[in-house]
Amino acid sequence: MGNFLDTPIVEKETEVGEEPSKGLKYGLSAMQGWRAQMEDDHVQLLNLPEIPELSLFGVYDGHGGDMVAHYAAKHLPSFLLKTELLQPGMPDEAFVVKAKEAFEVSLLQIDDVLRQLPEVENGQDQSGSTSVMTLVGPRHIVCANTGDSRAVLARGGQAVTLSNDHKPFLPVEKERIEKAGGQVKFNRVNGDLAVSRALGDFAYKRSPNVSFKEQAVTAFPEVIIEERDKDKDQFIILACDGIWDVMSSQEVVDKVLDLLRNGRPSDPPEEDVAMNEEEGAEPKPPREKRPWDLGAVCEALIDHCLQLGSRDNMSVIIVLMDPALTPIPDS
């Protein structure tokens, strides 16, 4: 997990989408950066299959390999639906209860399936991944978090917490770790793993004395439910810790609001010249600018975090809920 490149890879995977009937737009971008391998993945579904009134967005930050993150991004939506806890046209009261349960059940189920994969059973793959997902309904946002990726709601310019980072030194996490026979050293599980909840990481899930849910590292999510305020809600940000390592939740909200309101930064980072070339190599031609849209806003946030010193993979999704903040294209 500590392997770094001599220069960062700054090319990005970026896309945008929208669902006019819901008033939702999204942009996403992902960049490998300084890491020797890209281990992030994501999911973006403006219409959840079979339940079109719901939208699902998620970021999965892999560590020790990319298998678990990729598996989660590919399969978690179907695991969520297979619980049969979510149904079209659910009353609000039933939705918030069943959505929470659906996240809890599906994350433990997919973790159990991962544990039985041949490459995991034979020890070939020992990777893990965080998971932060938001289910956006007509009147509620339900966020399920496992690990230290993070989701934040911008409401009237203020950062509203949708998830809490799961770190081993936190009292509730430390208590579970120790009950499962583990210990917290150097603020890490057994002195090694920096998160206390994750998919995969089965080396930390071997205690015969506790349930699968209560292992030192657990896939069981913390779920936060926020009622939507259509007059004040602006956007949701989901991102891996490569973003949050160098910016607070409020700083990210402020930065994204600035980018949405004021357009492309006048002095963009010179990462193509300063960071992506070997010393003495021929200069590369500048990359063609992406049109100024939600995807470009995500790219600008990633570039800003790179300039602030982030050395991790970076993935970010912005779910825009206020159409008045739609980025104005370059003139």
Protein backbone atom coordinates (compact mmCIF):
# COMPACT_ATOMS: atom_id res chain seq x y z
CA MET A 1 0.00 0.00 0.00
CA GLY A 2 3.02 2.29 0.24
CA ASN A 3 4.29 1.96 -3.34
CA PHE A 4 4.58 5.32 -5.10
CA LEU A 5 5.62 6.46 -8.56
CA ASP A 6 8.36 8.96 -9.32
CA THR A 7 5.79 11.22 -10.97
CA PRO A 8 2.00 11.09 -10.73
CA ILE A 9 -0.26 9.76 -13.45
CA VAL A 10 -2.68 12.63 -13.94
CA GLU A 11 -4.87 11.33 -16.77
CA LYS A 12 -8.43 11.00 -15.54
CA GLU A 13 -11.49 8.85 -16.14
CA THR A 14 -14.35 11.34 -16.26
CA GLU A 15 -18.03 11.27 -17.17
CA VAL A 16 -21.31 13.09 -16.63
CA GLY A 17 -24.99 12.17 -16.67
CA GLU A 18 -28.39 13.60 -15.85
CA GLU A 19 -32.00 12.64 -15.18
CA PRO A 20 -34.19 15.68 -15.95
CA SER A 21 -37.30 14.09 -14.45
CA LYS A 22 -35.55 14.01 -11.06
CA GLY A 23 -33.65 17.25 -11.36
CA LEU A 24 -30.40 15.33 -10.78
CA LYS A 25 -27.08 15.64 -12.59
CA TYR A 26 -23.77 14.01 -11.75
CA GLY A 27 -20.14 14.35 -12.63
CA LEU A 28 -17.39 11.96 -11.67
CA SER A 29 -13.67 11.73 -12.12
CA ALA A 30 -10.94 9.33 -11.00
CA MET A 31 -7.15 9.65 -11.15
CA GLN A 32 -4.36 7.25 -10.23
CA GLY A 33 -2.01 9.98 -9.03
CA TRP A 34 1.20 9.02 -7.22
CA ARG A 35 0.13 5.44 -6.41
CA ALA A 36 1.71 2.55 -8.30
CA GLN A 37 -1.74 1.11 -9.02
CA MET A 38 -5.25 2.49 -9.43
CA GLU A 39 -7.37 0.69 -6.83
CA ASP A 40 -10.54 2.83 -6.77
CA ASP A 41 -13.87 2.12 -8.43
CA HIS A 42 -17.32 3.69 -8.40
CA VAL A 43 -20.97 3.22 -9.28
CA GLN A 44 -23.42 5.78 -10.64
CA LEU A 45 -27.02 4.82 -11.37
CA LEU A 46 -29.44 7.67 -11.93
CA ASN A 47 -32.24 5.10 -12.01
CA LEU A 48 -31.87 1.98 -9.89
CA PRO A 49 -32.97 -1.04 -11.94
CA GLU A 50 -36.56 -2.04 -11.10
CA ILE A 51 -36.96 1.00 -8.80
CA PRO A 52 -36.50 4.01 -11.08
CA GLU A 53 -37.45 6.60 -8.44
CA LEU A 54 -34.20 5.77 -6.59
CA SER A 55 -30.66 6.76 -7.60
CA LEU A 56 -27.49 5.09 -6.32
CA PHE A 57 -23.98 6.52 -6.19
CA GLY A 58 -20.94 4.92 -4.60
CA VAL A 59 -17.17 5.15 -4.25
CA TYR A 60 -14.99 2.14 -3.38
CA ASP A 61 -11.39 2.77 -2.31
CA GLY A 62 -9.34 -0.41 -2.61
CA HIS A 63 -6.18 -1.21 -0.70
CA GLY A 64 -3.74 -4.09 -1.05
CA GLY A 65 -5.10 -4.63 -4.57
CA ASP A 66 -8.12 -3.70 -6.66
CA MET A 67 -10.16 -6.92 -6.76
CA VAL A 68 -12.56 -6.16 -3.89
CA ALA A 69 -13.22 -2.59 -5.06
CA HIS A 70 -13.99 -3.75 -8.61
CA TYR A 71 -16.20 -6.60 -7.37
CA ALA A 72 -18.17 -4.26 -5.13
CA ALA A 73 -18.72 -1.67 -7.85
CA LYS A 74 -19.93 -4.34 -10.26
CA HIS A 75 -22.14 -6.38 -7.95
CA LEU A 76 -23.37 -4.29 -4.99
CA PRO A 77 -26.39 -2.80 -6.81
CA SER A 78 -27.69 -6.29 -7.58
CA PHE A 79 -27.06 -7.44 -3.99
CA LEU A 80 -29.02 -4.41 -2.80
CA LEU A 81 -31.98 -5.31 -5.02
CA LYS A 82 -31.84 -9.02 -4.19
CA THR A 83 -32.62 -8.26 -0.55
CA GLU A 84 -36.14 -7.45 -1.84
CA LEU A 85 -36.39 -4.90 0.94
CA LEU A 86 -36.68 -2.03 -1.53
CA GLN A 87 -39.84 -1.79 -3.61
CA PRO A 88 -41.25 0.80 -6.01
CA GLY A 89 -43.57 3.39 -4.52
CA MET A 90 -42.67 2.77 -0.89
CA PRO A 91 -44.08 5.21 1.72
CA ASP A 92 -41.42 7.47 3.22
CA GLU A 93 -41.50 5.81 6.63
CA ALA A 94 -41.03 2.35 5.15
CA PHE A 95 -38.34 3.51 2.73
CA VAL A 96 -35.94 4.88 5.34
CA VAL A 97 -36.26 1.76 7.49
CA LYS A 98 -35.96 -0.72 4.63
CA ALA A 99 -33.15 1.16 2.88
CA LYS A 100 -31.03 1.04 6.04
CA GLU A 101 -31.69 -2.67 6.42
CA ALA A 102 -31.01 -3.32 2.72
CA PHE A 103 -27.58 -1.70 2.96
CA GLU A 104 -26.72 -3.64 6.13
CA VAL A 105 -27.83 -6.99 4.69
CA SER A 106 -26.29 -6.53 1.23
CA LEU A 107 -22.87 -5.42 2.49
CA LEU A 108 -22.55 -8.39 4.83
CA GLN A 109 -23.81 -10.71 2.08
CA ILE A 110 -21.37 -9.51 -0.56
CA ASP A 111 -18.54 -9.73 1.97
CA ASP A 112 -19.47 -13.37 2.64
CA VAL A 113 -19.44 -14.08 -1.11
CA LEU A 114 -16.06 -12.38 -1.45
CA ARG A 115 -14.69 -14.53 1.37
CA GLN A 116 -15.57 -17.69 -0.57
CA LEU A 117 -13.98 -16.66 -3.88
CA PRO A 118 -11.20 -19.12 -4.86
CA GLU A 119 -8.52 -16.40 -5.05
CA VAL A 120 -9.40 -15.31 -1.52
CA GLU A 121 -9.65 -18.81 -0.04
CA ASN A 122 -6.23 -19.79 -1.42
CA GLY A 123 -4.65 -16.53 -0.19
CA GLN A 124 -3.85 -15.20 -3.64
CA ASP A 125 -5.90 -12.06 -3.08
CA GLN A 126 -5.85 -10.27 0.27
CA SER A 127 -7.21 -6.92 -0.81
CA GLY A 128 -9.91 -4.86 0.83
CA SER A 129 -12.00 -1.81 0.03
CA THR A 130 -13.94 0.93 1.72
CA SER A 131 -17.49 1.61 0.54
CA VAL A 132 -19.55 4.78 0.74
CA MET A 133 -22.92 4.83 -1.02
CA THR A 134 -25.88 7.18 -1.16
CA LEU A 135 -29.37 6.09 -2.13
CA VAL A 136 -31.22 9.21 -3.24
CA GLY A 137 -34.99 8.99 -3.04
CA PRO A 138 -37.66 11.60 -3.75
CA ARG A 139 -37.59 12.89 -0.15
CA HIS A 140 -34.60 11.27 1.59
CA ILE A 141 -30.89 10.60 1.20
CA VAL A 142 -29.70 7.35 2.78
CA CYS A 143 -25.93 7.00 3.12
CA ALA A 144 -24.20 3.74 4.06
CA ASN A 145 -20.51 3.97 4.94
CA THR A 146 -17.92 1.28 5.61
CA GLY A 147 -14.43 2.75 6.06
CA ASP A 148 -12.92 6.19 5.52
CA SER A 149 -14.27 7.27 2.17
CA ARG A 150 -16.79 10.03 2.84
CA ALA A 151 -20.07 11.56 1.69
CA VAL A 152 -21.09 15.15 2.39
CA LEU A 153 -24.24 17.11 1.57
CA ALA A 154 -23.96 20.80 0.71
CA ARG A 155 -27.01 22.56 2.16
CA GLY A 156 -27.16 26.32 1.94
CA GLY A 157 -23.37 26.41 1.65
CA GLN A 158 -22.82 24.32 4.78
CA ALA A 159 -21.35 20.80 4.89
CA VAL A 160 -23.85 18.31 6.32
CA THR A 161 -22.32 15.03 7.47
CA LEU A 162 -23.61 11.97 5.62
CA SER A 163 -20.89 9.61 6.86
CA ASN A 164 -18.28 9.28 9.59
CA ASP A 165 -14.78 7.95 8.96
CA HIS A 166 -14.17 4.58 10.60
CA LYS A 167 -10.74 4.75 12.21
CA PRO A 168 -9.37 2.08 14.59
CA PHE A 169 -8.62 4.54 17.41
CA LEU A 170 -12.23 5.69 17.77
CA PRO A 171 -13.71 4.31 21.03
CA VAL A 172 -16.53 2.27 19.46
CA GLU A 173 -14.22 0.84 16.81
CA LYS A 174 -11.42 0.10 19.28
CA GLU A 175 -13.82 -1.72 21.59
CA ARG A 176 -15.00 -4.01 18.79
CA ILE A 177 -11.45 -4.66 17.61
CA GLU A 178 -10.31 -5.68 21.08
CA LYS A 179 -13.37 -7.87 21.73
CA ALA A 180 -12.49 -9.73 18.53
CA GLY A 181 -8.97 -10.37 19.78
CA GLY A 182 -7.23 -7.62 17.86
CA GLN A 183 -5.42 -4.54 19.06
CA VAL A 184 -4.88 -0.97 17.99
CA LYS A 185 -1.23 -0.01 17.55
CA PHE A 186 0.01 3.16 15.87
CA ASN A 187 -3.69 4.01 15.29
CA ARG A 188 -4.01 0.93 13.05
CA VAL A 189 -5.66 -2.48 13.39
CA ASN A 190 -2.86 -4.76 14.64
CA GLY A 191 -0.46 -1.99 13.69
CA ASP A 192 -1.23 -2.43 9.99
CA LEU A 193 -4.66 -1.51 8.62
CA ALA A 194 -5.66 2.17 8.82
CA VAL A 195 -9.44 1.56 8.62
CA SER A 196 -11.61 -0.40 11.02
CA ARG A 197 -14.42 -1.24 8.59
CA ALA A 198 -13.97 -2.57 5.07
CA LEU A 199 -15.05 -5.15 2.56
CA GLY A 200 -12.49 -7.92 2.19
CA ASP A 201 -9.41 -7.76 4.44
CA PHE A 202 -10.22 -11.28 5.64
CA ALA A 203 -6.97 -11.58 7.57
CA TYR A 204 -8.74 -9.44 10.20
CA LYS A 205 -11.98 -11.47 10.17
CA ARG A 206 -10.87 -14.78 11.62
CA SER A 207 -12.00 -14.66 15.24
CA PRO A 208 -14.11 -17.75 16.10
CA ASN A 209 -15.49 -16.01 19.20
CA VAL A 210 -17.54 -13.28 17.52
CA SER A 211 -20.00 -13.04 14.64
CA PHE A 212 -18.99 -11.99 11.15
CA LYS A 213 -20.53 -8.58 11.88
CA GLU A 214 -18.42 -8.12 15.04
CA GLN A 215 -14.99 -9.02 13.61
CA ALA A 216 -12.05 -6.68 14.23
CA VAL A 217 -12.61 -5.30 10.74
CA THR A 218 -16.26 -5.44 9.71
CA ALA A 219 -18.16 -4.80 6.49
CA PHE A 220 -21.21 -3.71 8.51
CA PRO A 221 -22.05 -0.11 7.54
CA GLU A 222 -22.99 2.94 9.52
CA VAL A 223 -26.14 4.40 7.96
CA ILE A 224 -27.13 8.07 8.13
CA ILE A 225 -30.50 9.28 6.85
CA GLU A 226 -31.10 12.89 5.86
CA GLU A 227 -34.46 14.31 4.80
CA ARG A 228 -34.12 16.35 1.63
CA ASP A 229 -34.69 20.11 1.64
CA LYS A 230 -35.47 21.10 -1.93
CA ASP A 231 -35.01 24.79 -1.16
CA LYS A 232 -31.52 24.48 0.36
CA ASP A 233 -29.90 21.22 -0.83
CA GLN A 234 -27.23 21.94 -3.44
CA PHE A 235 -25.15 18.82 -4.08
CA ILE A 236 -23.75 15.63 -2.61
CA ILE A 237 -20.03 14.83 -2.76
CA LEU A 238 -18.75 11.27 -2.45
CA ALA A 239 -15.00 10.79 -2.48
CA CYS A 240 -12.21 8.53 -1.32
CA ASP A 241 -9.76 9.62 1.36
CA GLY A 242 -7.32 10.95 -1.23
CA ILE A 243 -9.58 14.02 -1.22
CA TRP A 244 -10.29 14.18 2.52
CA ASP A 245 -6.62 13.69 3.48
CA VAL A 246 -5.91 17.26 2.38
CA MET A 247 -9.27 19.06 2.69
CA SER A 248 -12.02 19.18 5.30
CA SER A 249 -15.65 18.57 4.40
CA GLN A 250 -16.43 22.29 4.57
CA GLU A 251 -13.36 23.18 2.51
CA VAL A 252 -14.49 20.80 -0.24
CA VAL A 253 -18.01 22.24 -0.19
CA ASP A 254 -16.58 25.76 -0.41
CA LYS A 255 -14.24 24.79 -3.26
CA VAL A 256 -16.96 23.08 -5.29
CA LEU A 257 -19.35 26.00 -4.77
CA ASP A 258 -16.63 28.37 -6.01
CA LEU A 259 -16.04 26.21 -9.09
CA LEU A 260 -19.76 25.95 -9.83
CA ARG A 261 -20.43 29.65 -9.39
CA ASN A 262 -17.27 31.18 -10.83
CA GLY A 263 -16.24 28.74 -13.51
CA ARG A 264 -12.91 27.26 -14.48
CA PRO A 265 -9.94 28.41 -12.36
CA SER A 266 -8.01 31.19 -14.09
CA ASP A 267 -4.66 29.60 -13.26
CA PRO A 268 -5.09 25.82 -13.68
CA PRO A 269 -2.39 23.58 -12.20
CA GLU A 270 0.51 22.91 -14.54
CA GLU A 271 0.59 19.22 -13.68
CA ASP A 272 1.22 18.15 -17.27
CA VAL A 273 4.52 20.00 -17.37
CA ALA A 274 5.64 20.05 -13.75
CA MET A 275 4.57 16.61 -12.57
CA ASN A 276 4.11 14.23 -15.47
CA GLU A 277 7.47 14.42 -17.20
CA GLU A 278 10.81 12.85 -16.39
CA GLU A 279 13.62 15.32 -15.91
CA GLY A 280 15.21 16.09 -19.26
CA ALA A 281 12.36 14.58 -21.29
CA GLU A 282 10.79 16.40 -24.22
CA PRO A 283 7.84 18.51 -23.02
CA LYS A 284 4.46 17.01 -23.83
CA PRO A 285 1.83 19.10 -25.58
CA PRO A 286 -0.80 20.44 -23.16
CA ARG A 287 -3.91 18.31 -22.80
CA GLU A 288 -7.05 19.55 -24.49
CA LYS A 289 -9.35 21.08 -21.90
CA ARG A 290 -12.59 19.29 -21.15
CA PRO A 291 -15.66 21.49 -21.65
CA TRP A 292 -16.63 23.11 -18.35
CA ASP A 293 -19.23 20.70 -16.95
CA LEU A 294 -19.69 18.71 -13.74
CA GLY A 295 -16.98 16.29 -14.85
CA ALA A 296 -14.54 19.17 -15.31
CA VAL A 297 -15.47 20.46 -11.84
CA CYS A 298 -14.53 17.05 -10.42
CA GLU A 299 -11.24 17.16 -12.33
CA ALA A 300 -10.48 20.63 -10.99
CA LEU A 301 -11.12 19.45 -7.42
CA ILE A 302 -8.75 16.50 -7.94
CA ASP A 303 -6.07 18.78 -9.41
CA HIS A 304 -6.46 21.10 -6.44
CA CYS A 305 -5.97 18.21 -4.00
CA LEU A 306 -2.92 17.07 -5.96
CA GLN A 307 -1.45 20.53 -5.56
CA LEU A 308 -2.20 20.38 -1.83
CA GLY A 309 -0.07 17.26 -1.56
CA SER A 310 -2.44 14.29 -1.84
CA ARG A 311 -0.47 11.20 -2.84
CA ASP A 312 -3.32 8.72 -3.00
CA ASN A 313 -5.66 7.58 -5.75
CA MET A 314 -8.48 10.10 -6.02
CA SER A 315 -12.10 9.50 -7.00
CA VAL A 316 -14.96 11.96 -6.60
CA ILE A 317 -18.63 12.08 -7.56
CA ILE A 318 -20.69 15.28 -7.42
CA VAL A 319 -24.47 14.79 -7.49
CA LEU A 320 -26.02 18.14 -8.33
CA MET A 321 -29.48 18.78 -6.88
CA ASP A 322 -29.79 22.54 -7.48
CA PRO A 323 -30.12 23.25 -11.23
CA ALA A 324 -29.19 26.89 -10.64
CA LEU A 325 -25.63 25.71 -9.93
CA THR A 326 -25.20 23.94 -13.28
CA PRO A 327 -21.72 24.84 -14.56
CA ILE A 328 -21.72 27.53 -17.23
CA PRO A 329 -19.85 26.27 -20.34
CA ASP A 330 -16.69 28.11 -21.39
CA SER A 331 -17.43 31.04 -23.64
